[in-house]
């Protein structure tokens, strides 16, 4: 469970990098991760385009509310599970 928490936290911080440092080299990994997750979310739930997923140049990427939604619930569940352990 602790490993899952570490992976989710690392992914969350990495996905936030493009929003914290938009025009730097640091955001390359986070931008790629947001594109991959955006494609997955847009494929599963097409109605979230525009709010959680933005479409630009034929690709989909997570927006800031999308990152918070994708990582928020799993992080909270893992934190509650770790606390009750």
Protein backbone atom coordinates (compact mmCIF):
# COMPACT_ATOMS: atom_id res chain seq x y z
CA UNK A 1 0.00 0.00 0.00
CA UNK A 2 2.90 2.31 0.75
CA UNK A 3 4.37 1.63 -2.69
CA UNK A 4 1.04 2.54 -4.32
CA UNK A 5 1.00 5.78 -2.36
CA UNK A 6 4.54 6.61 -3.53
CA UNK A 7 3.68 5.90 -7.18
CA UNK A 8 0.49 7.97 -7.03
CA UNK A 9 2.29 10.87 -5.36
CA UNK A 10 5.10 10.80 -7.92
CA UNK A 11 2.59 10.74 -10.78
CA UNK A 12 0.59 13.57 -9.23
CA UNK A 13 3.62 15.81 -8.79
CA UNK A 14 4.86 14.96 -12.28
CA UNK A 15 1.48 15.80 -13.80
CA UNK A 16 1.45 19.15 -12.01
CA UNK A 17 4.85 20.21 -13.43
CA UNK A 18 3.46 21.52 -16.76
CA UNK A 19 1.10 23.80 -14.84
CA UNK A 20 3.77 25.06 -12.42
CA UNK A 21 6.55 25.50 -15.01
CA UNK A 22 4.78 25.92 -18.37
CA UNK A 23 7.66 26.95 -20.64
CA UNK A 24 10.60 25.07 -19.22
CA UNK A 25 12.36 21.82 -19.92
CA UNK A 26 11.17 20.42 -16.57
CA UNK A 27 7.62 19.93 -17.85
CA UNK A 28 8.44 17.47 -20.66
CA UNK A 29 7.81 14.31 -18.63
CA UNK A 30 4.67 15.74 -17.04
CA UNK A 31 3.28 16.93 -20.35
CA UNK A 32 3.81 13.48 -21.86
CA UNK A 33 2.13 11.84 -18.86
CA UNK A 34 -0.82 14.24 -19.16
CA UNK A 35 -1.21 13.37 -22.86
CA UNK A 36 -1.21 9.63 -22.14
CA UNK A 37 -3.72 9.99 -19.31
CA UNK A 38 -5.81 12.43 -21.35
CA UNK A 39 -6.08 9.93 -24.20
CA UNK A 40 -7.16 7.22 -21.76
CA UNK A 41 -9.75 9.37 -20.01
CA UNK A 42 -11.14 10.75 -23.28
CA UNK A 43 -11.40 7.22 -24.64
CA UNK A 44 -13.27 5.91 -21.60
CA UNK A 45 -15.57 8.89 -20.99
CA UNK A 46 -15.98 11.04 -24.13
CA UNK A 47 -18.25 13.55 -22.37
CA UNK A 48 -15.40 14.96 -20.24
CA UNK A 49 -13.72 16.66 -23.18
CA UNK A 50 -13.39 20.35 -22.50
CA UNK A 51 -13.51 20.20 -18.70
CA UNK A 52 -11.12 17.46 -17.65
CA UNK A 53 -9.44 16.85 -21.01
CA UNK A 54 -8.43 19.43 -23.61
CA UNK A 55 -8.06 18.55 -27.28
CA UNK A 56 -5.27 20.28 -29.20
CA UNK A 57 -3.77 19.28 -32.53
CA UNK A 58 -5.47 15.90 -32.54
CA UNK A 59 -4.27 14.82 -29.10
CA UNK A 60 -5.94 14.98 -25.74
CA UNK A 61 -4.25 16.14 -22.54
CA UNK A 62 -5.41 16.48 -18.96
CA UNK A 63 -6.27 19.95 -17.72
CA UNK A 64 -5.58 21.04 -14.14
CA UNK A 65 -9.06 19.95 -12.96
CA UNK A 66 -8.46 16.68 -14.79
CA UNK A 67 -5.21 16.06 -12.94
CA UNK A 68 -6.88 16.79 -9.61
CA UNK A 69 -9.77 14.46 -10.47
CA UNK A 70 -7.65 11.59 -11.78
CA UNK A 71 -5.23 11.63 -8.84
CA UNK A 72 -7.40 13.08 -6.06
CA UNK A 73 -9.75 10.20 -5.38
CA UNK A 74 -7.12 7.41 -5.51
CA UNK A 75 -4.74 9.39 -3.30
CA UNK A 76 -7.47 10.00 -0.72
CA UNK A 77 -8.48 6.32 -0.71
CA UNK A 78 -4.89 5.18 -0.25
CA UNK A 79 -4.32 7.74 2.51
CA UNK A 80 -7.43 6.54 4.36
CA UNK A 81 -6.35 2.92 3.92
CA UNK A 82 -2.88 3.72 5.28
CA UNK A 83 -4.32 5.61 8.21
CA UNK A 84 -6.67 2.76 9.18
CA UNK A 85 -3.92 0.21 8.88
